């Protein structure tokens, strides 16, 4: 996710608790969705869809933080 921001992500994960929380929550959702899609965790297609939308919202929030932090570095 966002390879162009790899260094900034590493930096923010240690210096920004909000960013770290968003990032961890996104990764945890991603793993949960993968388990559900692999049928190793019970779910319905609707539940998976809801989690995917939540994950997308988190990704948007992560991107917004990255854009703001990147602009502040310039």
Protein backbone atom coordinates (compact mmCIF):
# COMPACT_ATOMS: atom_id res chain seq x y z
CA UNK A 1 0.00 0.00 0.00
CA UNK A 2 1.42 3.36 -1.11
CA UNK A 3 4.97 2.27 -2.01
CA UNK A 4 5.85 5.88 -2.85
CA UNK A 5 5.35 6.73 0.83
CA UNK A 6 7.24 3.75 2.29
CA UNK A 7 9.75 5.86 4.25
CA UNK A 8 7.08 8.25 5.51
CA UNK A 9 4.87 5.34 6.58
CA UNK A 10 7.73 3.86 8.60
CA UNK A 11 8.35 7.24 10.22
CA UNK A 12 4.69 7.93 11.00
CA UNK A 13 4.09 4.45 12.45
CA UNK A 14 6.55 5.33 15.21
CA UNK A 15 5.84 9.03 15.65
CA UNK A 16 2.07 9.40 15.10
CA UNK A 17 -0.22 7.29 17.31
CA UNK A 18 -3.31 8.10 15.23
CA UNK A 19 -1.60 7.04 12.01
CA UNK A 20 -0.24 3.89 13.64
CA UNK A 21 -3.75 3.00 14.85
CA UNK A 22 -5.24 3.54 11.37
CA UNK A 23 -2.48 1.51 9.75
CA UNK A 24 -2.82 -1.40 12.20
CA UNK A 25 -6.61 -1.40 11.95
CA UNK A 26 -6.36 -1.49 8.13
CA UNK A 27 -3.92 -4.41 8.21
CA UNK A 28 -6.05 -6.32 10.73
CA UNK A 29 -9.15 -5.84 8.56
CA UNK A 30 -7.21 -6.97 5.51
CA UNK A 31 -6.19 -10.20 7.26
CA UNK A 32 -9.74 -10.79 8.51
CA UNK A 33 -11.16 -10.32 5.00
CA UNK A 34 -8.60 -12.74 3.57
CA UNK A 35 -9.53 -15.35 6.19
CA UNK A 36 -13.23 -14.86 5.46
CA UNK A 37 -12.72 -15.14 1.70
CA UNK A 38 -10.66 -18.32 2.22
CA UNK A 39 -13.55 -19.70 4.32
CA UNK A 40 -11.29 -20.21 7.33
CA UNK A 41 -13.46 -17.74 9.23
CA UNK A 42 -17.27 -17.87 9.03
CA UNK A 43 -18.91 -15.02 7.15
CA UNK A 44 -21.50 -13.96 4.63
CA UNK A 45 -20.81 -12.07 1.40
CA UNK A 46 -22.55 -9.07 2.97
CA UNK A 47 -20.23 -9.12 5.99
CA UNK A 48 -17.20 -9.25 3.72
CA UNK A 49 -18.53 -6.34 1.67
CA UNK A 50 -19.07 -4.22 4.79
CA UNK A 51 -15.51 -4.92 5.96
CA UNK A 52 -14.11 -4.07 2.53
CA UNK A 53 -15.89 -0.71 2.62
CA UNK A 54 -14.54 -0.05 6.13
CA UNK A 55 -11.04 -0.98 4.93
CA UNK A 56 -11.37 1.42 1.99
CA UNK A 57 -12.39 4.25 4.32
CA UNK A 58 -9.32 3.55 6.46
CA UNK A 59 -7.14 3.56 3.35
CA UNK A 60 -8.55 6.98 2.41
CA UNK A 61 -7.80 8.28 5.91
CA UNK A 62 -4.26 6.87 5.78
CA UNK A 63 -3.70 8.52 2.39
CA UNK A 64 -4.96 11.86 3.72
CA UNK A 65 -2.47 11.71 6.63
CA UNK A 66 0.34 10.77 4.23
CA UNK A 67 -0.48 13.63 1.85
CA UNK A 68 -0.59 16.13 4.72
CA UNK A 69 2.66 14.89 6.26
CA UNK A 70 4.35 14.85 2.86
CA UNK A 71 3.30 18.45 2.19
CA UNK A 72 4.63 19.50 5.59
CA UNK A 73 8.03 17.99 4.74
CA UNK A 74 8.37 20.05 1.55
